[in-house]
């Protein structure tokens, strides 16, 4: 999951990420949306300084111009130039945003620069996670807050791999940063941690969309080697009354210093 070269190739452009985002937008049972749910748990106030690491396409901040404008400093960053360019396009016309290419392991800001730091759905890609977390803690103010969303080990990937087990597809080894193991890793740096769970699932009615989602999973070589006809057939066989029910397990940690 954290092969740096593979991650850079996967996120060099937003295409694969957009494919994965679209299936959630189209078929999620919980209509609040994961991004809106994450935003609802941010505790933000006028004049504060905010840094997001791994902002991706910036979609979560679409329509949030009024709030962004109240911040004293608002920085969106990603380690991929292509992603950052897409974020700038997504948020074109919104003022008050500073865009930076940043590697979380080497954050180019002074100690205690930010009131809040966000790193959503990306920590499991980081090769040296302990170093990254210490960098986050360094740039946070003493009473600052770190928000980090991630996935669980019993959600979509476990379900999809189970569907194709007879073809030699196995679930990936325990993720580098999941809802199950993330708290222990955060505690090496942050003493105060809360875990929140987002209740959701997919109800997929078009197997072609699910097949495209599977094709976007660059880390699942065993699965991606299967012919598309086989993938479509297995997906259809598991539909009930025209719907493929796919479990999701997502949530976030809220971490604070002493």
C-alpha atoms as a PDB file:
ATOM      1  CA  UNK A   1       0.000   0.000   0.000  1.00  0.00           C
ATOM      2  CA  UNK A   2       2.853   2.414   0.652  1.00  0.00           C
ATOM      3  CA  UNK A   3       5.158   1.723  -2.326  1.00  0.00           C
ATOM      4  CA  UNK A   4       6.150   5.319  -3.075  1.00  0.00           C
ATOM      5  CA  UNK A   5       6.697   4.871  -6.806  1.00  0.00           C
ATOM      6  CA  UNK A   6       3.313   3.170  -7.249  1.00  0.00           C
ATOM      7  CA  UNK A   7       1.573   5.883  -5.255  1.00  0.00           C
ATOM      8  CA  UNK A   8       3.160   8.648  -7.331  1.00  0.00           C
ATOM      9  CA  UNK A   9       2.073   6.911 -10.539  1.00  0.00           C
ATOM     10  CA  UNK A  10      -1.437   6.368  -9.206  1.00  0.00           C
ATOM     11  CA  UNK A  11      -1.909  10.021  -8.255  1.00  0.00           C
ATOM     12  CA  UNK A  12       0.080  11.683 -11.024  1.00  0.00           C
ATOM     13  CA  UNK A  13      -3.282  12.663 -12.519  1.00  0.00           C
ATOM     14  CA  UNK A  14      -6.769  12.767 -10.983  1.00  0.00           C
ATOM     15  CA  UNK A  15      -8.312  10.217 -13.388  1.00  0.00           C
ATOM     16  CA  UNK A  16      -8.247   7.120 -11.174  1.00  0.00           C
ATOM     17  CA  UNK A  17      -9.224   9.103  -8.095  1.00  0.00           C
ATOM     18  CA  UNK A  18     -12.156  10.638  -9.953  1.00  0.00           C
ATOM     19  CA  UNK A  19     -13.324   7.134 -10.919  1.00  0.00           C
ATOM     20  CA  UNK A  20     -13.338   6.092  -7.272  1.00  0.00           C
ATOM     21  CA  UNK A  21     -15.029   9.282  -6.126  1.00  0.00           C
ATOM     22  CA  UNK A  22     -17.784   8.923  -8.723  1.00  0.00           C
ATOM     23  CA  UNK A  23     -18.957   5.502  -7.570  1.00  0.00           C
ATOM     24  CA  UNK A  24     -19.386   6.806  -4.029  1.00  0.00           C
ATOM     25  CA  UNK A  25     -21.284   9.842  -5.280  1.00  0.00           C
ATOM     26  CA  UNK A  26     -23.574   7.700  -7.413  1.00  0.00           C
ATOM     27  CA  UNK A  27     -24.333   4.720  -5.186  1.00  0.00           C
ATOM     28  CA  UNK A  28     -23.742   5.618  -1.534  1.00  0.00           C
ATOM     29  CA  UNK A  29     -26.655   4.848   0.768  1.00  0.00           C
ATOM     30  CA  UNK A  30     -25.773   7.653   3.171  1.00  0.00           C
ATOM     31  CA  UNK A  31     -26.649  10.769   1.204  1.00  0.00           C
ATOM     32  CA  UNK A  32     -24.806  13.145   3.528  1.00  0.00           C
ATOM     33  CA  UNK A  33     -21.592  12.243   1.725  1.00  0.00           C
ATOM     34  CA  UNK A  34     -18.282  11.391   3.363  1.00  0.00           C
ATOM     35  CA  UNK A  35     -16.733  14.780   2.587  1.00  0.00           C
ATOM     36  CA  UNK A  36     -19.654  16.672   4.120  1.00  0.00           C
ATOM     37  CA  UNK A  37     -19.530  14.391   7.160  1.00  0.00           C
ATOM     38  CA  UNK A  38     -15.825  15.096   7.617  1.00  0.00           C
ATOM     39  CA  UNK A  39     -16.404  18.851   7.318  1.00  0.00           C
ATOM     40  CA  UNK A  40     -19.181  18.684   9.926  1.00  0.00           C
ATOM     41  CA  UNK A  41     -16.646  17.511  12.524  1.00  0.00           C
ATOM     42  CA  UNK A  42     -14.094  20.251  11.917  1.00  0.00           C
ATOM     43  CA  UNK A  43     -13.993  22.817  14.691  1.00  0.00           C
ATOM     44  CA  UNK A  44     -12.933  25.944  12.844  1.00  0.00           C
ATOM     45  CA  UNK A  45     -13.147  29.619  13.701  1.00  0.00           C
ATOM     46  CA  UNK A  46     -12.478  32.972  12.005  1.00  0.00           C
ATOM     47  CA  UNK A  47      -8.841  33.966  11.766  1.00  0.00           C
ATOM     48  CA  UNK A  48      -7.419  30.483  12.272  1.00  0.00           C
ATOM     49  CA  UNK A  49      -4.617  28.987  10.169  1.00  0.00           C
ATOM     50  CA  UNK A  50      -5.403  25.744   8.326  1.00  0.00           C
ATOM     51  CA  UNK A  51      -3.264  23.282   6.363  1.00  0.00           C
ATOM     52  CA  UNK A  52      -4.609  20.340   4.390  1.00  0.00           C
ATOM     53  CA  UNK A  53      -2.091  17.702   3.304  1.00  0.00           C
ATOM     54  CA  UNK A  54      -3.088  15.496   0.368  1.00  0.00           C
ATOM     55  CA  UNK A  55      -5.993  17.682  -0.762  1.00  0.00           C
ATOM     56  CA  UNK A  56      -6.469  15.677  -3.974  1.00  0.00           C
ATOM     57  CA  UNK A  57      -8.922  17.312  -6.366  1.00  0.00           C
ATOM     58  CA  UNK A  58     -10.102  19.785  -3.708  1.00  0.00           C
ATOM     59  CA  UNK A  59     -13.689  18.648  -4.211  1.00  0.00           C
ATOM     60  CA  UNK A  60     -14.493  18.666  -0.501  1.00  0.00           C
ATOM     61  CA  UNK A  61     -13.983  22.434  -0.374  1.00  0.00           C
ATOM     62  CA  UNK A  62     -16.259  23.247  -3.299  1.00  0.00           C
ATOM     63  CA  UNK A  63     -18.893  25.720  -2.129  1.00  0.00           C
ATOM     64  CA  UNK A  64     -16.999  26.556   1.080  1.00  0.00           C
ATOM     65  CA  UNK A  65     -15.739  29.955  -0.067  1.00  0.00           C
ATOM     66  CA  UNK A  66     -17.457  31.879   2.723  1.00  0.00           C
ATOM     67  CA  UNK A  67     -15.748  29.836   5.402  1.00  0.00           C
ATOM     68  CA  UNK A  68     -12.363  29.821   3.622  1.00  0.00           C
ATOM     69  CA  UNK A  69     -12.528  33.610   3.393  1.00  0.00           C
ATOM     70  CA  UNK A  70     -12.788  33.891   7.183  1.00  0.00           C
ATOM     71  CA  UNK A  71      -9.533  32.014   7.763  1.00  0.00           C
ATOM     72  CA  UNK A  72      -6.373  33.921   8.508  1.00  0.00           C
ATOM     73  CA  UNK A  73      -4.429  31.436   6.376  1.00  0.00           C
ATOM     74  CA  UNK A  74      -5.739  28.510   4.335  1.00  0.00           C
ATOM     75  CA  UNK A  75      -3.245  26.196   2.600  1.00  0.00           C
ATOM     76  CA  UNK A  76      -4.182  23.284   0.322  1.00  0.00           C
ATOM     77  CA  UNK A  77      -1.328  20.965  -0.537  1.00  0.00           C
ATOM     78  CA  UNK A  78      -0.589  17.689  -2.285  1.00  0.00           C
ATOM     79  CA  UNK A  79       2.594  15.861  -3.208  1.00  0.00           C
ATOM     80  CA  UNK A  80       1.256  15.475  -6.773  1.00  0.00           C
ATOM     81  CA  UNK A  81       1.510  18.478  -9.080  1.00  0.00           C
ATOM     82  CA  UNK A  82      -1.294  17.019 -11.206  1.00  0.00           C
ATOM     83  CA  UNK A  83      -3.637  16.770  -8.229  1.00  0.00           C
ATOM     84  CA  UNK A  84      -2.845  20.297  -7.098  1.00  0.00           C
ATOM     85  CA  UNK A  85      -3.545  21.647 -10.585  1.00  0.00           C
ATOM     86  CA  UNK A  86      -6.916  19.873 -10.537  1.00  0.00           C
ATOM     87  CA  UNK A  87      -7.681  21.356  -7.106  1.00  0.00           C
ATOM     88  CA  UNK A  88      -6.956  24.829  -8.442  1.00  0.00           C
ATOM     89  CA  UNK A  89      -9.331  24.190 -11.335  1.00  0.00           C
ATOM     90  CA  UNK A  90     -12.016  22.753  -9.033  1.00  0.00           C
ATOM     91  CA  UNK A  91     -11.844  25.781  -6.760  1.00  0.00           C
ATOM     92  CA  UNK A  92     -11.318  28.387  -9.457  1.00  0.00           C
ATOM     93  CA  UNK A  93     -12.763  31.708  -8.348  1.00  0.00           C
ATOM     94  CA  UNK A  94     -12.380  31.103  -4.626  1.00  0.00           C
ATOM     95  CA  UNK A  95     -10.090  33.627  -2.971  1.00  0.00           C
ATOM     96  CA  UNK A  96      -7.866  33.140   0.049  1.00  0.00           C
ATOM     97  CA  UNK A  97      -6.378  29.742  -0.872  1.00  0.00           C
ATOM     98  CA  UNK A  98      -2.639  29.132  -0.939  1.00  0.00           C
ATOM     99  CA  UNK A  99      -1.613  26.085  -3.024  1.00  0.00           C
ATOM    100  CA  UNK A 100       1.624  24.235  -2.246  1.00  0.00           C
ATOM    101  CA  UNK A 101       3.313  21.005  -3.356  1.00  0.00           C
ATOM    102  CA  UNK A 102       4.233  19.322  -0.063  1.00  0.00           C
ATOM    103  CA  UNK A 103       5.500  15.950   1.114  1.00  0.00           C
ATOM    104  CA  UNK A 104       4.022  15.279   4.560  1.00  0.00           C
ATOM    105  CA  UNK A 105       7.381  13.926   5.712  1.00  0.00           C
ATOM    106  CA  UNK A 106       9.004  17.329   5.175  1.00  0.00           C
ATOM    107  CA  UNK A 107       6.489  20.118   5.745  1.00  0.00           C
ATOM    108  CA  UNK A 108       8.079  23.477   4.795  1.00  0.00           C
ATOM    109  CA  UNK A 109       6.569  25.579   7.584  1.00  0.00           C
ATOM    110  CA  UNK A 110       7.847  26.781  10.925  1.00  0.00           C
ATOM    111  CA  UNK A 111       7.019  25.104  14.226  1.00  0.00           C
ATOM    112  CA  UNK A 112       3.512  25.806  15.566  1.00  0.00           C
ATOM    113  CA  UNK A 113       2.275  27.508  12.405  1.00  0.00           C
ATOM    114  CA  UNK A 114      -1.255  26.061  12.195  1.00  0.00           C
ATOM    115  CA  UNK A 115      -4.360  25.757  14.343  1.00  0.00           C
ATOM    116  CA  UNK A 116      -5.606  22.771  12.341  1.00  0.00           C
ATOM    117  CA  UNK A 117      -4.027  20.237  10.000  1.00  0.00           C
ATOM    118  CA  UNK A 118      -6.000  17.763   7.872  1.00  0.00           C
ATOM    119  CA  UNK A 119      -4.745  14.625   6.105  1.00  0.00           C
ATOM    120  CA  UNK A 120      -7.669  12.604   4.805  1.00  0.00           C
ATOM    121  CA  UNK A 121      -7.520   9.218   3.054  1.00  0.00           C
ATOM    122  CA  UNK A 122      -3.766   9.412   2.481  1.00  0.00           C
ATOM    123  CA  UNK A 123      -1.789   8.403   5.586  1.00  0.00           C
ATOM    124  CA  UNK A 124      -1.880   4.735   4.520  1.00  0.00           C
ATOM    125  CA  UNK A 125       0.269   5.713   1.509  1.00  0.00           C
ATOM    126  CA  UNK A 126       3.064   7.343   3.544  1.00  0.00           C
ATOM    127  CA  UNK A 127       6.299   5.265   3.677  1.00  0.00           C
ATOM    128  CA  UNK A 128       7.607   6.698   6.970  1.00  0.00           C
ATOM    129  CA  UNK A 129       4.421   7.382   8.880  1.00  0.00           C
ATOM    130  CA  UNK A 130       6.040   8.090  12.246  1.00  0.00           C
ATOM    131  CA  UNK A 131       8.202  10.795  10.696  1.00  0.00           C
ATOM    132  CA  UNK A 132       5.128  12.251   8.952  1.00  0.00           C
ATOM    133  CA  UNK A 133       3.110  12.376  12.173  1.00  0.00           C
ATOM    134  CA  UNK A 134       5.946  14.099  13.985  1.00  0.00           C
ATOM    135  CA  UNK A 135       6.091  16.694  11.221  1.00  0.00           C
ATOM    136  CA  UNK A 136       2.346  17.285  11.601  1.00  0.00           C
ATOM    137  CA  UNK A 137       2.735  17.700  15.355  1.00  0.00           C
ATOM    138  CA  UNK A 138       5.652  20.084  14.832  1.00  0.00           C
ATOM    139  CA  UNK A 139       3.711  22.522  12.637  1.00  0.00           C
ATOM    140  CA  UNK A 140       0.599  22.401  14.840  1.00  0.00           C
ATOM    141  CA  UNK A 141       0.181  24.961  17.566  1.00  0.00           C
ATOM    142  CA  UNK A 142       0.327  23.639  21.122  1.00  0.00           C
ATOM    143  CA  UNK A 143      -3.464  23.327  21.332  1.00  0.00           C
ATOM    144  CA  UNK A 144      -3.937  22.567  17.609  1.00  0.00           C
ATOM    145  CA  UNK A 145      -5.999  19.728  16.142  1.00  0.00           C
ATOM    146  CA  UNK A 146      -5.135  17.058  13.585  1.00  0.00           C
ATOM    147  CA  UNK A 147      -7.982  15.549  11.543  1.00  0.00           C
ATOM    148  CA  UNK A 148      -7.325  12.387   9.550  1.00  0.00           C
ATOM    149  CA  UNK A 149      -9.929  10.256   7.808  1.00  0.00           C
ATOM    150  CA  UNK A 150      -9.217   6.702   6.703  1.00  0.00           C
ATOM    151  CA  UNK A 151     -10.815   3.366   5.842  1.00  0.00           C
ATOM    152  CA  UNK A 152     -11.391   0.217   7.892  1.00  0.00           C
ATOM    153  CA  UNK A 153     -10.167  -3.303   7.251  1.00  0.00           C
ATOM    154  CA  UNK A 154     -13.655  -4.794   6.834  1.00  0.00           C
ATOM    155  CA  UNK A 155     -15.103  -2.613   4.112  1.00  0.00           C
ATOM    156  CA  UNK A 156     -15.059  -2.472   0.320  1.00  0.00           C
ATOM    157  CA  UNK A 157     -11.684  -4.062  -0.340  1.00  0.00           C
ATOM    158  CA  UNK A 158     -12.322  -7.052   1.929  1.00  0.00           C
ATOM    159  CA  UNK A 159     -15.716  -7.573   0.284  1.00  0.00           C
ATOM    160  CA  UNK A 160     -14.402  -7.264  -3.282  1.00  0.00           C
ATOM    161  CA  UNK A 161     -11.503  -9.640  -2.617  1.00  0.00           C
ATOM    162  CA  UNK A 162     -13.930 -12.115  -1.083  1.00  0.00           C
ATOM    163  CA  UNK A 163     -15.981 -12.131  -4.282  1.00  0.00           C
ATOM    164  CA  UNK A 164     -12.921 -13.184  -6.282  1.00  0.00           C
ATOM    165  CA  UNK A 165     -11.262 -15.495  -3.734  1.00  0.00           C
ATOM    166  CA  UNK A 166     -11.663 -18.549  -5.997  1.00  0.00           C
ATOM    167  CA  UNK A 167      -9.536 -16.744  -8.596  1.00  0.00           C
ATOM    168  CA  UNK A 168      -6.633 -16.371  -6.189  1.00  0.00           C
ATOM    169  CA  UNK A 169      -7.411 -12.814  -5.134  1.00  0.00           C
ATOM    170  CA  UNK A 170      -6.469 -12.166  -1.521  1.00  0.00           C
ATOM    171  CA  UNK A 171      -7.142  -9.135   0.656  1.00  0.00           C
ATOM    172  CA  UNK A 172      -4.080  -6.925   1.047  1.00  0.00           C
ATOM    173  CA  UNK A 173      -2.162  -7.241   4.289  1.00  0.00           C
ATOM    174  CA  UNK A 174      -3.358  -5.018   7.102  1.00  0.00           C
ATOM    175  CA  UNK A 175      -3.252  -1.420   5.918  1.00  0.00           C
ATOM    176  CA  UNK A 176      -0.537   0.949   7.080  1.00  0.00           C
ATOM    177  CA  UNK A 177      -3.104   3.287   8.673  1.00  0.00           C
ATOM    178  CA  UNK A 178      -6.665   2.061   9.223  1.00  0.00           C
ATOM    179  CA  UNK A 179      -9.525   2.579  11.634  1.00  0.00           C
ATOM    180  CA  UNK A 180      -8.261  -0.514  13.441  1.00  0.00           C
ATOM    181  CA  UNK A 181      -4.585   0.381  13.855  1.00  0.00           C
ATOM    182  CA  UNK A 182      -4.518   4.160  13.400  1.00  0.00           C
ATOM    183  CA  UNK A 183      -5.112   5.128  17.014  1.00  0.00           C
ATOM    184  CA  UNK A 184      -2.053   3.242  18.260  1.00  0.00           C
ATOM    185  CA  UNK A 185       0.123   5.000  15.693  1.00  0.00           C
ATOM    186  CA  UNK A 186      -1.286   8.424  16.481  1.00  0.00           C
ATOM    187  CA  UNK A 187      -0.653   7.895  20.198  1.00  0.00           C
ATOM    188  CA  UNK A 188       3.096   7.914  19.589  1.00  0.00           C
ATOM    189  CA  UNK A 189       2.684  11.653  18.947  1.00  0.00           C
ATOM    190  CA  UNK A 190      -0.766  12.749  20.183  1.00  0.00           C
ATOM    191  CA  UNK A 191      -2.086  11.953  23.684  1.00  0.00           C
ATOM    192  CA  UNK A 192      -5.733  12.900  23.046  1.00  0.00           C
ATOM    193  CA  UNK A 193      -7.504  10.938  20.265  1.00  0.00           C
ATOM    194  CA  UNK A 194     -11.117  10.324  19.282  1.00  0.00           C
ATOM    195  CA  UNK A 195     -12.316   7.860  16.640  1.00  0.00           C
ATOM    196  CA  UNK A 196     -15.546   8.552  14.735  1.00  0.00           C
ATOM    197  CA  UNK A 197     -17.282   6.111  12.367  1.00  0.00           C
ATOM    198  CA  UNK A 198     -19.223   6.989   9.216  1.00  0.00           C
ATOM    199  CA  UNK A 199     -22.165   4.660   8.543  1.00  0.00           C
ATOM    200  CA  UNK A 200     -22.579   3.881   4.838  1.00  0.00           C
ATOM    201  CA  UNK A 201     -22.678   1.252   2.066  1.00  0.00           C
ATOM    202  CA  UNK A 202     -22.968   1.127  -1.718  1.00  0.00           C
ATOM    203  CA  UNK A 203     -26.073  -0.044  -3.566  1.00  0.00           C
ATOM    204  CA  UNK A 204     -24.677  -0.531  -7.089  1.00  0.00           C
ATOM    205  CA  UNK A 205     -27.130  -1.074  -9.939  1.00  0.00           C
ATOM    206  CA  UNK A 206     -24.691  -0.987 -12.890  1.00  0.00           C
ATOM    207  CA  UNK A 207     -21.883  -3.562 -12.735  1.00  0.00           C
ATOM    208  CA  UNK A 208     -19.949  -1.617 -15.374  1.00  0.00           C
ATOM    209  CA  UNK A 209     -19.378   1.166 -12.852  1.00  0.00           C
ATOM    210  CA  UNK A 210     -18.103  -1.331 -10.302  1.00  0.00           C
ATOM    211  CA  UNK A 211     -15.836  -2.917 -12.903  1.00  0.00           C
ATOM    212  CA  UNK A 212     -14.344   0.506 -13.674  1.00  0.00           C
ATOM    213  CA  UNK A 213     -13.809   1.078  -9.973  1.00  0.00           C
ATOM    214  CA  UNK A 214     -11.937  -2.225  -9.710  1.00  0.00           C
ATOM    215  CA  UNK A 215      -9.805  -1.294 -12.721  1.00  0.00           C
ATOM    216  CA  UNK A 216      -8.761   1.904 -10.909  1.00  0.00           C
ATOM    217  CA  UNK A 217      -7.267  -0.047  -7.991  1.00  0.00           C
ATOM    218  CA  UNK A 218      -3.652  -0.001  -9.095  1.00  0.00           C
ATOM    219  CA  UNK A 219      -2.373  -1.810  -6.003  1.00  0.00           C
ATOM    220  CA  UNK A 220      -4.537  -4.925  -6.591  1.00  0.00           C
ATOM    221  CA  UNK A 221      -2.531  -6.675  -9.311  1.00  0.00           C
ATOM    222  CA  UNK A 222      -4.187 -10.089  -8.801  1.00  0.00           C
ATOM    223  CA  UNK A 223      -7.597  -8.559  -9.307  1.00  0.00           C
ATOM    224  CA  UNK A 224      -6.651  -6.311 -12.211  1.00  0.00           C
ATOM    225  CA  UNK A 225      -5.203  -9.287 -14.119  1.00  0.00           C
ATOM    226  CA  UNK A 226      -8.625 -10.918 -14.352  1.00  0.00           C
ATOM    227  CA  UNK A 227     -10.470 -10.470 -17.669  1.00  0.00           C
ATOM    228  CA  UNK A 228     -13.183  -7.837 -17.487  1.00  0.00           C
ATOM    229  CA  UNK A 229     -15.772 -10.392 -18.597  1.00  0.00           C
ATOM    230  CA  UNK A 230     -14.952 -12.498 -15.531  1.00  0.00           C
ATOM    231  CA  UNK A 231     -15.208  -9.471 -13.259  1.00  0.00           C
ATOM    232  CA  UNK A 232     -18.568  -8.470 -14.709  1.00  0.00           C
ATOM    233  CA  UNK A 233     -19.892 -12.028 -14.430  1.00  0.00           C
ATOM    234  CA  UNK A 234     -18.927 -12.394 -10.764  1.00  0.00           C
ATOM    235  CA  UNK A 235     -20.439  -9.022  -9.925  1.00  0.00           C
ATOM    236  CA  UNK A 236     -23.720  -9.925 -11.632  1.00  0.00           C
ATOM    237  CA  UNK A 237     -23.881 -13.262  -9.823  1.00  0.00           C
ATOM    238  CA  UNK A 238     -23.758 -11.440  -6.503  1.00  0.00           C
ATOM    239  CA  UNK A 239     -26.493  -8.924  -7.267  1.00  0.00           C
ATOM    240  CA  UNK A 240     -29.782  -9.301  -5.432  1.00  0.00           C
ATOM    241  CA  UNK A 241     -32.888  -7.900  -7.105  1.00  0.00           C
ATOM    242  CA  UNK A 242     -30.653  -5.936  -9.445  1.00  0.00           C
ATOM    243  CA  UNK A 243     -28.478  -4.427  -6.696  1.00  0.00           C
ATOM    244  CA  UNK A 244     -24.935  -5.235  -5.581  1.00  0.00           C
ATOM    245  CA  UNK A 245     -24.707  -4.388  -1.883  1.00  0.00           C
ATOM    246  CA  UNK A 246     -21.156  -3.390  -0.979  1.00  0.00           C
ATOM    247  CA  UNK A 247     -20.207  -2.670   2.665  1.00  0.00           C
ATOM    248  CA  UNK A 248     -18.164   0.420   3.450  1.00  0.00           C
ATOM    249  CA  UNK A 249     -16.092   1.150   6.525  1.00  0.00           C
ATOM    250  CA  UNK A 250     -14.869   4.718   6.802  1.00  0.00           C
ATOM    251  CA  UNK A 251     -14.266   7.137   9.610  1.00  0.00           C
ATOM    252  CA  UNK A 252     -11.810   9.614  11.055  1.00  0.00           C
ATOM    253  CA  UNK A 253      -9.546  10.362  13.978  1.00  0.00           C
ATOM    254  CA  UNK A 254      -9.406  13.685  15.771  1.00  0.00           C
ATOM    255  CA  UNK A 255      -6.069  14.080  17.535  1.00  0.00           C
ATOM    256  CA  UNK A 256      -4.862  16.844  19.836  1.00  0.00           C
ATOM    257  CA  UNK A 257      -1.719  17.656  21.703  1.00  0.00           C
ATOM    258  CA  UNK A 258      -1.473  18.128  25.470  1.00  0.00           C
END
